[in-house]
Amino acid sequence: MAENPFDLSNDRAYRRWADAKRRGYDLRARDDFPLLVEIGGDGSIDDASLAIIRDHIDRYNFALYRMNGVPDDPLSALKRIGRRMGLKELDRNLCAPEDRVTRLTVKPVEGARYIPYTNKPIGWHTDGYYNPMRQRVLAMVLHCQQPAAEGGANRLLDHDMAYIHLRDTDPAFVEALSQPSVMCIPPNVVDGEQLRPQTCSPVFLTEPGGDAPALAMRFSKRKHNIIWSDDGRTQEALQCLFEFLESDSPWHVEYRLNAGEGVINNNVLHTRSGFSDDARRPRIYYRARYYNRINIH
């Protein structure tokens, strides 16, 4: 069993892991880096492409793909991708249909209670940060069927790199954000009915990940409906994290998905810019969230 790099008392294991993470980004800077991995138009992935995706997931916790054709059935294609990634149990969120794959597009005003169904920008977050801990979202596939007329780009940031930034600044920041109730989300109540109870959780937590634990993150930078621990160390840690998220570090990746493209990821930090739609060809994305990490065999 490998040493745990997230043990704050084991600086040697941490340094070895953090140095390897940084070296991975040296590869991304090369001219021959395969930014988009080619996969089948039906969501099938051959062994060569699968090996590249596995490498990207291992290094960055996300991989961008491009289909070589237009899927006849985007939902089936998306689920096929998930199965190839070793993803099993789909999350059932409030807005997902029975098949648990969410169609993201702008809804009429009366249905646009949640920001993903508007054309507004979305700040830094991980998906499902409000879910109960027993249903924490650990992986996601986001697929673009039709991009917006203008805007709608995503910024991606591997949560491992956020952890490294905080721990290198002050290990006490990581300790503060690893407390079990450092972040609380109030109940979701609509018209007097409670749709979801209050949820409290750490920001950083670890999950089984093969030879050594893997890092997971639950976070939203939204200003409302988040209750943070008010102790001084937590507030300092959050300020450090907020500043890093809004920086232009070498670890930040920005990309606007085109039709037939998508991102497979271990629920990394991400944003979405605001966008303008063409009424005849509205922006349509599909999103599948899972309760387990990517596990490619």
C-alpha atoms as a PDB file:
ATOM      1  CA  MET A   1       0.000   0.000   0.000  1.00  0.00           C
ATOM      2  CA  ALA A   2       1.427   3.404  -1.026  1.00  0.00           C
ATOM      3  CA  GLU A   3       1.838   6.163   1.513  1.00  0.00           C
ATOM      4  CA  ASN A   4      -0.994   8.651   1.912  1.00  0.00           C
ATOM      5  CA  PRO A   5      -0.051  12.047   0.392  1.00  0.00           C
ATOM      6  CA  PHE A   6      -3.031  13.676   2.137  1.00  0.00           C
ATOM      7  CA  ASP A   7      -1.738  12.846   5.611  1.00  0.00           C
ATOM      8  CA  LEU A   8      -0.607  16.253   6.874  1.00  0.00           C
ATOM      9  CA  SER A   9       2.093  14.572   8.962  1.00  0.00           C
ATOM     10  CA  ASN A  10       3.650  12.844   5.923  1.00  0.00           C
ATOM     11  CA  ASP A  11       5.376  15.630   4.029  1.00  0.00           C
ATOM     12  CA  ARG A  12       7.571  13.229   2.036  1.00  0.00           C
ATOM     13  CA  ALA A  13       4.611  11.413   0.457  1.00  0.00           C
ATOM     14  CA  TYR A  14       2.883  14.726  -0.210  1.00  0.00           C
ATOM     15  CA  ARG A  15       5.915  16.254  -1.952  1.00  0.00           C
ATOM     16  CA  ARG A  16       6.359  13.208  -4.159  1.00  0.00           C
ATOM     17  CA  TRP A  17       2.692  13.303  -5.194  1.00  0.00           C
ATOM     18  CA  ALA A  18       2.604  17.102  -5.705  1.00  0.00           C
ATOM     19  CA  ASP A  19       5.773  17.075  -7.818  1.00  0.00           C
ATOM     20  CA  ALA A  20       4.284  14.377 -10.053  1.00  0.00           C
ATOM     21  CA  LYS A  21       1.084  16.424 -10.481  1.00  0.00           C
ATOM     22  CA  ARG A  22       3.077  19.473 -11.586  1.00  0.00           C
ATOM     23  CA  ARG A  23       5.148  17.457 -14.060  1.00  0.00           C
ATOM     24  CA  GLY A  24       1.930  16.372 -15.727  1.00  0.00           C
ATOM     25  CA  TYR A  25       1.204  19.948 -16.692  1.00  0.00           C
ATOM     26  CA  ASP A  26       4.579  20.231 -18.408  1.00  0.00           C
ATOM     27  CA  LEU A  27       3.199  17.646 -20.854  1.00  0.00           C
ATOM     28  CA  ARG A  28       0.050  19.721 -21.473  1.00  0.00           C
ATOM     29  CA  ALA A  29       2.251  22.617 -22.601  1.00  0.00           C
ATOM     30  CA  ARG A  30       3.797  20.579 -25.416  1.00  0.00           C
ATOM     31  CA  ASP A  31       2.681  21.227 -28.998  1.00  0.00           C
ATOM     32  CA  ASP A  32       1.864  17.546 -29.543  1.00  0.00           C
ATOM     33  CA  PHE A  33      -0.416  17.244 -26.501  1.00  0.00           C
ATOM     34  CA  PRO A  34      -3.751  15.628 -27.565  1.00  0.00           C
ATOM     35  CA  LEU A  35      -6.207  18.155 -26.101  1.00  0.00           C
ATOM     36  CA  LEU A  36      -9.240  16.324 -27.540  1.00  0.00           C
ATOM     37  CA  VAL A  37      -9.359  12.534 -27.607  1.00  0.00           C
ATOM     38  CA  GLU A  38     -11.229  11.100 -30.605  1.00  0.00           C
ATOM     39  CA  ILE A  39     -14.042   8.647 -29.776  1.00  0.00           C
ATOM     40  CA  GLY A  40     -16.874   7.021 -31.753  1.00  0.00           C
ATOM     41  CA  GLY A  41     -20.030   8.898 -32.694  1.00  0.00           C
ATOM     42  CA  ASP A  42     -22.063   6.426 -30.642  1.00  0.00           C
ATOM     43  CA  GLY A  43     -19.917   6.891 -27.533  1.00  0.00           C
ATOM     44  CA  SER A  44     -17.726   3.868 -28.224  1.00  0.00           C
ATOM     45  CA  ILE A  45     -14.056   4.212 -27.287  1.00  0.00           C
ATOM     46  CA  ASP A  46     -11.314   2.047 -28.808  1.00  0.00           C
ATOM     47  CA  ASP A  47      -8.370   0.838 -26.770  1.00  0.00           C
ATOM     48  CA  ALA A  48      -5.941   3.470 -28.085  1.00  0.00           C
ATOM     49  CA  SER A  49      -8.241   6.360 -27.180  1.00  0.00           C
ATOM     50  CA  LEU A  50      -9.062   4.728 -23.864  1.00  0.00           C
ATOM     51  CA  ALA A  51      -5.367   4.639 -22.963  1.00  0.00           C
ATOM     52  CA  ILE A  52      -5.056   8.392 -23.630  1.00  0.00           C
ATOM     53  CA  ILE A  53      -8.171   9.148 -21.591  1.00  0.00           C
ATOM     54  CA  ARG A  54      -6.858   7.029 -18.709  1.00  0.00           C
ATOM     55  CA  ASP A  55      -3.574   8.942 -18.780  1.00  0.00           C
ATOM     56  CA  HIS A  56      -5.366  12.316 -18.760  1.00  0.00           C
ATOM     57  CA  ILE A  57      -7.616  11.256 -15.894  1.00  0.00           C
ATOM     58  CA  ASP A  58      -4.637   9.977 -13.905  1.00  0.00           C
ATOM     59  CA  ARG A  59      -2.737  13.231 -14.411  1.00  0.00           C
ATOM     60  CA  TYR A  60      -5.458  15.912 -14.440  1.00  0.00           C
ATOM     61  CA  ASN A  61      -8.710  14.278 -13.243  1.00  0.00           C
ATOM     62  CA  PHE A  62     -10.380  15.226 -16.549  1.00  0.00           C
ATOM     63  CA  ALA A  63     -10.220  14.453 -20.260  1.00  0.00           C
ATOM     64  CA  LEU A  64     -11.785  16.272 -23.208  1.00  0.00           C
ATOM     65  CA  TYR A  65     -13.172  14.226 -26.090  1.00  0.00           C
ATOM     66  CA  ARG A  66     -14.516  14.746 -29.611  1.00  0.00           C
ATOM     67  CA  MET A  67     -16.936  12.339 -31.293  1.00  0.00           C
ATOM     68  CA  ASN A  68     -16.177  11.398 -34.891  1.00  0.00           C
ATOM     69  CA  GLY A  69     -19.855  11.537 -35.783  1.00  0.00           C
ATOM     70  CA  VAL A  70     -23.229  12.783 -34.583  1.00  0.00           C
ATOM     71  CA  PRO A  71     -24.936  10.305 -32.223  1.00  0.00           C
ATOM     72  CA  ASP A  72     -28.442   9.211 -33.173  1.00  0.00           C
ATOM     73  CA  ASP A  73     -29.189   8.878 -29.467  1.00  0.00           C
ATOM     74  CA  PRO A  74     -27.093  11.245 -27.285  1.00  0.00           C
ATOM     75  CA  LEU A  75     -28.410   9.710 -24.054  1.00  0.00           C
ATOM     76  CA  SER A  76     -27.317   6.195 -25.005  1.00  0.00           C
ATOM     77  CA  ALA A  77     -23.950   7.515 -26.211  1.00  0.00           C
ATOM     78  CA  LEU A  78     -23.391   9.350 -22.938  1.00  0.00           C
ATOM     79  CA  LYS A  79     -24.216   6.263 -20.886  1.00  0.00           C
ATOM     80  CA  ARG A  80     -21.902   4.160 -23.072  1.00  0.00           C
ATOM     81  CA  ILE A  81     -19.062   6.575 -22.282  1.00  0.00           C
ATOM     82  CA  GLY A  82     -19.841   6.282 -18.578  1.00  0.00           C
ATOM     83  CA  ARG A  83     -19.756   2.490 -18.661  1.00  0.00           C
ATOM     84  CA  ARG A  84     -16.396   2.533 -20.477  1.00  0.00           C
ATOM     85  CA  MET A  85     -15.101   4.762 -17.662  1.00  0.00           C
ATOM     86  CA  GLY A  86     -16.181   2.214 -15.058  1.00  0.00           C
ATOM     87  CA  LEU A  87     -18.924   4.546 -13.807  1.00  0.00           C
ATOM     88  CA  LYS A  88     -21.910   2.747 -12.339  1.00  0.00           C
ATOM     89  CA  GLU A  89     -24.514   4.532 -10.225  1.00  0.00           C
ATOM     90  CA  LEU A  90     -26.047   7.658 -11.737  1.00  0.00           C
ATOM     91  CA  ASP A  91     -27.082  10.507  -9.450  1.00  0.00           C
ATOM     92  CA  ARG A  92     -30.767  11.353  -9.346  1.00  0.00           C
ATOM     93  CA  ASN A  93     -31.009  15.125  -8.879  1.00  0.00           C
ATOM     94  CA  LEU A  94     -34.224  17.116  -8.614  1.00  0.00           C
ATOM     95  CA  CYS A  95     -34.245  18.092 -12.283  1.00  0.00           C
ATOM     96  CA  ALA A  96     -33.151  14.770 -13.782  1.00  0.00           C
ATOM     97  CA  PRO A  97     -35.704  12.554 -15.546  1.00  0.00           C
ATOM     98  CA  GLU A  98     -36.169   8.865 -14.834  1.00  0.00           C
ATOM     99  CA  ASP A  99     -33.069   7.894 -16.843  1.00  0.00           C
ATOM    100  CA  ARG A 100     -31.016  10.185 -14.545  1.00  0.00           C
ATOM    101  CA  VAL A 101     -29.279  12.024 -17.406  1.00  0.00           C
ATOM    102  CA  THR A 102     -30.013  15.743 -17.249  1.00  0.00           C
ATOM    103  CA  ARG A 103     -30.727  17.804 -20.377  1.00  0.00           C
ATOM    104  CA  LEU A 104     -29.325  21.291 -19.788  1.00  0.00           C
ATOM    105  CA  THR A 105     -30.912  24.056 -21.816  1.00  0.00           C
ATOM    106  CA  VAL A 106     -32.514  27.409 -21.065  1.00  0.00           C
ATOM    107  CA  LYS A 107     -35.983  26.947 -19.607  1.00  0.00           C
ATOM    108  CA  PRO A 108     -38.866  29.445 -19.473  1.00  0.00           C
ATOM    109  CA  VAL A 109     -38.724  31.860 -16.562  1.00  0.00           C
ATOM    110  CA  GLU A 110     -41.120  29.817 -14.446  1.00  0.00           C
ATOM    111  CA  GLY A 111     -38.886  26.756 -14.776  1.00  0.00           C
ATOM    112  CA  ALA A 112     -35.549  28.481 -14.365  1.00  0.00           C
ATOM    113  CA  ARG A 113     -35.257  28.284 -10.582  1.00  0.00           C
ATOM    114  CA  TYR A 114     -31.773  26.812 -10.921  1.00  0.00           C
ATOM    115  CA  ILE A 115     -28.949  28.700 -12.654  1.00  0.00           C
ATOM    116  CA  PRO A 116     -27.794  25.815 -14.944  1.00  0.00           C
ATOM    117  CA  TYR A 117     -31.144  26.223 -16.751  1.00  0.00           C
ATOM    118  CA  THR A 118     -30.504  29.904 -17.493  1.00  0.00           C
ATOM    119  CA  ASN A 119     -27.942  31.670 -19.666  1.00  0.00           C
ATOM    120  CA  LYS A 120     -26.285  33.294 -16.648  1.00  0.00           C
ATOM    121  CA  PRO A 121     -22.634  32.656 -15.751  1.00  0.00           C
ATOM    122  CA  ILE A 122     -21.929  29.987 -13.133  1.00  0.00           C
ATOM    123  CA  GLY A 123     -19.045  30.507 -10.699  1.00  0.00           C
ATOM    124  CA  TRP A 124     -16.533  27.989  -9.425  1.00  0.00           C
ATOM    125  CA  HIS A 125     -18.075  24.819  -8.007  1.00  0.00           C
ATOM    126  CA  THR A 126     -18.060  21.069  -8.018  1.00  0.00           C
ATOM    127  CA  ASP A 127     -21.280  19.327  -8.972  1.00  0.00           C
ATOM    128  CA  GLY A 128     -23.618  18.027  -6.284  1.00  0.00           C
ATOM    129  CA  TYR A 129     -21.951  19.917  -3.421  1.00  0.00           C
ATOM    130  CA  TYR A 130     -25.409  20.026  -1.768  1.00  0.00           C
ATOM    131  CA  ASN A 131     -25.979  16.254  -1.970  1.00  0.00           C
ATOM    132  CA  PRO A 132     -25.948  14.235   1.260  1.00  0.00           C
ATOM    133  CA  MET A 133     -22.583  12.615   1.910  1.00  0.00           C
ATOM    134  CA  ARG A 134     -23.970   9.157   1.137  1.00  0.00           C
ATOM    135  CA  GLN A 135     -24.766  10.419  -2.378  1.00  0.00           C
ATOM    136  CA  ARG A 136     -21.696  12.517  -3.063  1.00  0.00           C
ATOM    137  CA  VAL A 137     -20.968  13.109  -6.739  1.00  0.00           C
ATOM    138  CA  LEU A 138     -17.482  11.838  -7.580  1.00  0.00           C
ATOM    139  CA  ALA A 139     -17.507  11.828 -11.388  1.00  0.00           C
ATOM    140  CA  MET A 140     -19.361  13.428 -14.265  1.00  0.00           C
ATOM    141  CA  VAL A 141     -19.658  13.348 -18.057  1.00  0.00           C
ATOM    142  CA  LEU A 142     -20.748  16.611 -19.716  1.00  0.00           C
ATOM    143  CA  HIS A 143     -21.609  16.449 -23.422  1.00  0.00           C
ATOM    144  CA  CYS A 144     -22.387  19.271 -25.855  1.00  0.00           C
ATOM    145  CA  GLN A 145     -25.069  18.533 -28.418  1.00  0.00           C
ATOM    146  CA  GLN A 146     -25.451  22.148 -29.540  1.00  0.00           C
ATOM    147  CA  PRO A 147     -23.291  25.083 -28.331  1.00  0.00           C
ATOM    148  CA  ALA A 148     -24.656  28.547 -27.687  1.00  0.00           C
ATOM    149  CA  ALA A 149     -24.525  31.147 -30.435  1.00  0.00           C
ATOM    150  CA  GLU A 150     -22.024  33.084 -28.299  1.00  0.00           C
ATOM    151  CA  GLY A 151     -20.335  32.349 -24.995  1.00  0.00           C
ATOM    152  CA  GLY A 152     -20.870  29.376 -22.731  1.00  0.00           C
ATOM    153  CA  ALA A 153     -17.194  28.466 -22.269  1.00  0.00           C
ATOM    154  CA  ASN A 154     -16.031  26.386 -19.326  1.00  0.00           C
ATOM    155  CA  ARG A 155     -13.000  26.835 -17.112  1.00  0.00           C
ATOM    156  CA  LEU A 156     -11.687  23.650 -15.528  1.00  0.00           C
ATOM    157  CA  LEU A 157      -9.364  23.269 -12.558  1.00  0.00           C
ATOM    158  CA  ASP A 158      -8.215  19.969 -11.141  1.00  0.00           C
ATOM    159  CA  HIS A 159      -9.129  20.077  -7.444  1.00  0.00           C
ATOM    160  CA  ASP A 160      -5.782  18.408  -6.673  1.00  0.00           C
ATOM    161  CA  MET A 161      -4.074  21.624  -7.769  1.00  0.00           C
ATOM    162  CA  ALA A 162      -6.288  23.727  -5.486  1.00  0.00           C
ATOM    163  CA  TYR A 163      -5.313  21.431  -2.609  1.00  0.00           C
ATOM    164  CA  ILE A 164      -1.610  21.792  -3.490  1.00  0.00           C
ATOM    165  CA  HIS A 165      -1.875  25.581  -3.579  1.00  0.00           C
ATOM    166  CA  LEU A 166      -3.513  25.718  -0.161  1.00  0.00           C
ATOM    167  CA  ARG A 167      -1.207  23.180   1.469  1.00  0.00           C
ATOM    168  CA  ASP A 168       1.909  24.883   0.110  1.00  0.00           C
ATOM    169  CA  THR A 169       0.614  28.223   1.406  1.00  0.00           C
ATOM    170  CA  ASP A 170      -0.286  26.887   4.856  1.00  0.00           C
ATOM    171  CA  PRO A 171      -1.121  23.272   5.769  1.00  0.00           C
ATOM    172  CA  ALA A 172      -3.504  24.645   8.400  1.00  0.00           C
ATOM    173  CA  PHE A 173      -5.717  25.874   5.532  1.00  0.00           C
ATOM    174  CA  VAL A 174      -6.196  22.283   4.359  1.00  0.00           C
ATOM    175  CA  GLU A 175      -6.859  21.158   7.907  1.00  0.00           C
ATOM    176  CA  ALA A 176      -9.532  23.839   8.325  1.00  0.00           C
ATOM    177  CA  LEU A 177     -11.300  22.948   5.083  1.00  0.00           C
ATOM    178  CA  SER A 178     -11.235  19.250   5.950  1.00  0.00           C
ATOM    179  CA  GLN A 179     -13.418  19.669   9.041  1.00  0.00           C
ATOM    180  CA  PRO A 180     -16.642  17.623   8.749  1.00  0.00           C
ATOM    181  CA  SER A 181     -19.047  20.576   8.924  1.00  0.00           C
ATOM    182  CA  VAL A 182     -16.997  23.447   7.527  1.00  0.00           C
ATOM    183  CA  MET A 183     -19.552  24.014   4.713  1.00  0.00           C
ATOM    184  CA  CYS A 184     -23.307  23.790   5.236  1.00  0.00           C
ATOM    185  CA  ILE A 185     -26.032  24.148   2.610  1.00  0.00           C
ATOM    186  CA  PRO A 186     -29.430  25.232   4.004  1.00  0.00           C
ATOM    187  CA  PRO A 187     -32.528  23.162   3.215  1.00  0.00           C
ATOM    188  CA  ASN A 188     -34.090  23.585  -0.221  1.00  0.00           C
ATOM    189  CA  VAL A 189     -37.655  24.667   0.513  1.00  0.00           C
ATOM    190  CA  VAL A 190     -40.126  25.536  -2.267  1.00  0.00           C
ATOM    191  CA  ASP A 191     -43.684  26.670  -1.490  1.00  0.00           C
ATOM    192  CA  GLY A 192     -43.358  25.349   2.044  1.00  0.00           C
ATOM    193  CA  GLU A 193     -42.175  21.887   0.952  1.00  0.00           C
ATOM    194  CA  GLN A 194     -38.675  20.740   1.875  1.00  0.00           C
ATOM    195  CA  LEU A 195     -37.114  19.209  -1.229  1.00  0.00           C
ATOM    196  CA  ARG A 196     -33.712  18.642   0.382  1.00  0.00           C
ATOM    197  CA  PRO A 197     -32.589  18.874   4.032  1.00  0.00           C
ATOM    198  CA  GLN A 198     -29.598  20.872   5.224  1.00  0.00           C
ATOM    199  CA  THR A 199     -26.295  19.249   4.273  1.00  0.00           C
ATOM    200  CA  CYS A 200     -22.963  19.814   6.009  1.00  0.00           C
ATOM    201  CA  SER A 201     -19.630  18.445   4.804  1.00  0.00           C
ATOM    202  CA  PRO A 202     -15.900  19.042   4.484  1.00  0.00           C
ATOM    203  CA  VAL A 203     -14.480  20.736   1.399  1.00  0.00           C
ATOM    204  CA  PHE A 204     -11.614  18.242   1.065  1.00  0.00           C
ATOM    205  CA  LEU A 205     -12.108  14.537   1.651  1.00  0.00           C
ATOM    206  CA  THR A 206     -10.436  11.357   0.473  1.00  0.00           C
ATOM    207  CA  GLU A 207     -11.843   8.352  -1.353  1.00  0.00           C
ATOM    208  CA  PRO A 208     -10.425   4.908  -2.078  1.00  0.00           C
ATOM    209  CA  GLY A 209      -8.264   5.221  -5.200  1.00  0.00           C
ATOM    210  CA  GLY A 210      -6.286   2.077  -5.923  1.00  0.00           C
ATOM    211  CA  ASP A 211      -2.903   1.924  -4.217  1.00  0.00           C
ATOM    212  CA  ALA A 212      -3.368   5.240  -2.409  1.00  0.00           C
ATOM    213  CA  PRO A 213      -6.332   7.427  -1.437  1.00  0.00           C
ATOM    214  CA  ALA A 214      -7.678   9.922  -3.982  1.00  0.00           C
ATOM    215  CA  LEU A 215      -8.819  13.453  -3.240  1.00  0.00           C
ATOM    216  CA  ALA A 216     -12.394  14.640  -3.680  1.00  0.00           C
ATOM    217  CA  MET A 217     -13.801  18.137  -3.204  1.00  0.00           C
ATOM    218  CA  ARG A 218     -17.219  19.604  -2.396  1.00  0.00           C
ATOM    219  CA  PHE A 219     -17.367  23.334  -3.021  1.00  0.00           C
ATOM    220  CA  SER A 220     -19.263  26.310  -4.364  1.00  0.00           C
ATOM    221  CA  LYS A 221     -18.088  29.912  -4.521  1.00  0.00           C
ATOM    222  CA  ARG A 222     -21.647  31.236  -4.626  1.00  0.00           C
ATOM    223  CA  LYS A 223     -22.255  34.044  -2.132  1.00  0.00           C
ATOM    224  CA  HIS A 224     -25.723  32.976  -1.042  1.00  0.00           C
ATOM    225  CA  ASN A 225     -27.084  29.797   0.514  1.00  0.00           C
ATOM    226  CA  ILE A 226     -23.675  28.680   1.824  1.00  0.00           C
ATOM    227  CA  ILE A 227     -22.928  28.723   5.546  1.00  0.00           C
ATOM    228  CA  TRP A 228     -19.190  28.596   6.235  1.00  0.00           C
ATOM    229  CA  SER A 229     -17.520  28.069   9.595  1.00  0.00           C
ATOM    230  CA  ASP A 230     -16.768  31.542  10.887  1.00  0.00           C
ATOM    231  CA  ASP A 231     -13.461  30.849  12.653  1.00  0.00           C
ATOM    232  CA  GLY A 232     -10.500  32.900  11.526  1.00  0.00           C
ATOM    233  CA  ARG A 233      -8.452  30.063  10.045  1.00  0.00           C
ATOM    234  CA  THR A 234     -11.333  28.868   7.846  1.00  0.00           C
ATOM    235  CA  GLN A 235     -11.970  32.388   6.605  1.00  0.00           C
ATOM    236  CA  GLU A 236      -8.282  32.827   5.757  1.00  0.00           C
ATOM    237  CA  ALA A 237      -8.284  29.496   3.924  1.00  0.00           C
ATOM    238  CA  LEU A 238     -11.347  30.495   1.908  1.00  0.00           C
ATOM    239  CA  GLN A 239      -9.810  33.831   0.953  1.00  0.00           C
ATOM    240  CA  CYS A 240      -6.685  32.030  -0.242  1.00  0.00           C
ATOM    241  CA  LEU A 241      -8.811  29.576  -2.235  1.00  0.00           C
ATOM    242  CA  PHE A 242     -11.012  32.303  -3.748  1.00  0.00           C
ATOM    243  CA  GLU A 243      -7.980  34.267  -4.914  1.00  0.00           C
ATOM    244  CA  PHE A 244      -6.413  31.185  -6.453  1.00  0.00           C
ATOM    245  CA  LEU A 245      -9.595  30.257  -8.310  1.00  0.00           C
ATOM    246  CA  GLU A 246      -9.769  33.686  -9.933  1.00  0.00           C
ATOM    247  CA  SER A 247      -6.083  33.677 -10.872  1.00  0.00           C
ATOM    248  CA  ASP A 248      -4.581  32.746 -14.227  1.00  0.00           C
ATOM    249  CA  SER A 249      -2.433  29.860 -13.040  1.00  0.00           C
ATOM    250  CA  PRO A 250      -0.851  27.281 -15.381  1.00  0.00           C
ATOM    251  CA  TRP A 251      -3.324  24.751 -13.959  1.00  0.00           C
ATOM    252  CA  HIS A 252      -6.454  26.548 -15.200  1.00  0.00           C
ATOM    253  CA  VAL A 253      -7.857  25.273 -18.512  1.00  0.00           C
ATOM    254  CA  GLU A 254     -10.486  27.159 -20.520  1.00  0.00           C
ATOM    255  CA  TYR A 255     -12.381  25.560 -23.395  1.00  0.00           C
ATOM    256  CA  ARG A 256     -15.672  26.099 -25.193  1.00  0.00           C
ATOM    257  CA  LEU A 257     -17.172  22.771 -26.199  1.00  0.00           C
ATOM    258  CA  ASN A 258     -18.357  22.365 -29.769  1.00  0.00           C
ATOM    259  CA  ALA A 259     -21.123  20.022 -30.920  1.00  0.00           C
ATOM    260  CA  GLY A 260     -20.119  16.406 -30.311  1.00  0.00           C
ATOM    261  CA  GLU A 261     -17.483  17.303 -27.713  1.00  0.00           C
ATOM    262  CA  GLY A 262     -17.475  16.752 -23.988  1.00  0.00           C
ATOM    263  CA  VAL A 263     -15.509  16.379 -20.788  1.00  0.00           C
ATOM    264  CA  ILE A 264     -15.098  13.274 -18.632  1.00  0.00           C
ATOM    265  CA  ASN A 265     -13.937  14.075 -15.111  1.00  0.00           C
ATOM    266  CA  ASN A 266     -13.671  13.187 -11.441  1.00  0.00           C
ATOM    267  CA  ASN A 267     -15.931  16.157 -10.577  1.00  0.00           C
ATOM    268  CA  VAL A 268     -13.235  18.802 -10.930  1.00  0.00           C
ATOM    269  CA  LEU A 269     -13.796  22.470 -10.169  1.00  0.00           C
ATOM    270  CA  HIS A 270     -15.417  24.258 -13.101  1.00  0.00           C
ATOM    271  CA  THR A 271     -17.254  27.389 -14.232  1.00  0.00           C
ATOM    272  CA  ARG A 272     -19.444  28.412 -17.142  1.00  0.00           C
ATOM    273  CA  SER A 273     -19.487  31.835 -18.744  1.00  0.00           C
ATOM    274  CA  GLY A 274     -22.773  33.506 -19.656  1.00  0.00           C
ATOM    275  CA  PHE A 275     -24.048  32.968 -23.169  1.00  0.00           C
ATOM    276  CA  SER A 276     -26.453  34.139 -25.853  1.00  0.00           C
ATOM    277  CA  ASP A 277     -28.726  31.645 -27.579  1.00  0.00           C
ATOM    278  CA  ASP A 278     -30.010  31.336 -31.113  1.00  0.00           C
ATOM    279  CA  ALA A 279     -33.748  30.693 -30.733  1.00  0.00           C
ATOM    280  CA  ARG A 280     -33.671  28.348 -33.738  1.00  0.00           C
ATOM    281  CA  ARG A 281     -30.684  26.374 -32.398  1.00  0.00           C
ATOM    282  CA  PRO A 282     -30.631  26.665 -28.597  1.00  0.00           C
ATOM    283  CA  ARG A 283     -27.706  25.506 -26.486  1.00  0.00           C
ATOM    284  CA  ILE A 284     -28.203  21.862 -25.411  1.00  0.00           C
ATOM    285  CA  TYR A 285     -25.901  19.915 -23.107  1.00  0.00           C
ATOM    286  CA  TYR A 286     -26.329  16.529 -21.458  1.00  0.00           C
ATOM    287  CA  ARG A 287     -24.925  15.793 -18.000  1.00  0.00           C
ATOM    288  CA  ALA A 288     -24.497  12.469 -16.213  1.00  0.00           C
ATOM    289  CA  ARG A 289     -23.310  12.474 -12.581  1.00  0.00           C
ATOM    290  CA  TYR A 290     -22.037   9.410 -10.768  1.00  0.00           C
ATOM    291  CA  TYR A 291     -21.461   8.295  -7.174  1.00  0.00           C
ATOM    292  CA  ASN A 292     -18.129   6.590  -7.934  1.00  0.00           C
ATOM    293  CA  ARG A 293     -14.807   7.789  -9.337  1.00  0.00           C
ATOM    294  CA  ILE A 294     -13.616   6.945 -12.832  1.00  0.00           C
ATOM    295  CA  ASN A 295     -12.145   3.449 -12.830  1.00  0.00           C
ATOM    296  CA  ILE A 296     -10.852   2.439 -16.263  1.00  0.00           C
ATOM    297  CA  HIS A 297      -9.722  -1.174 -16.603  1.00  0.00           C
END
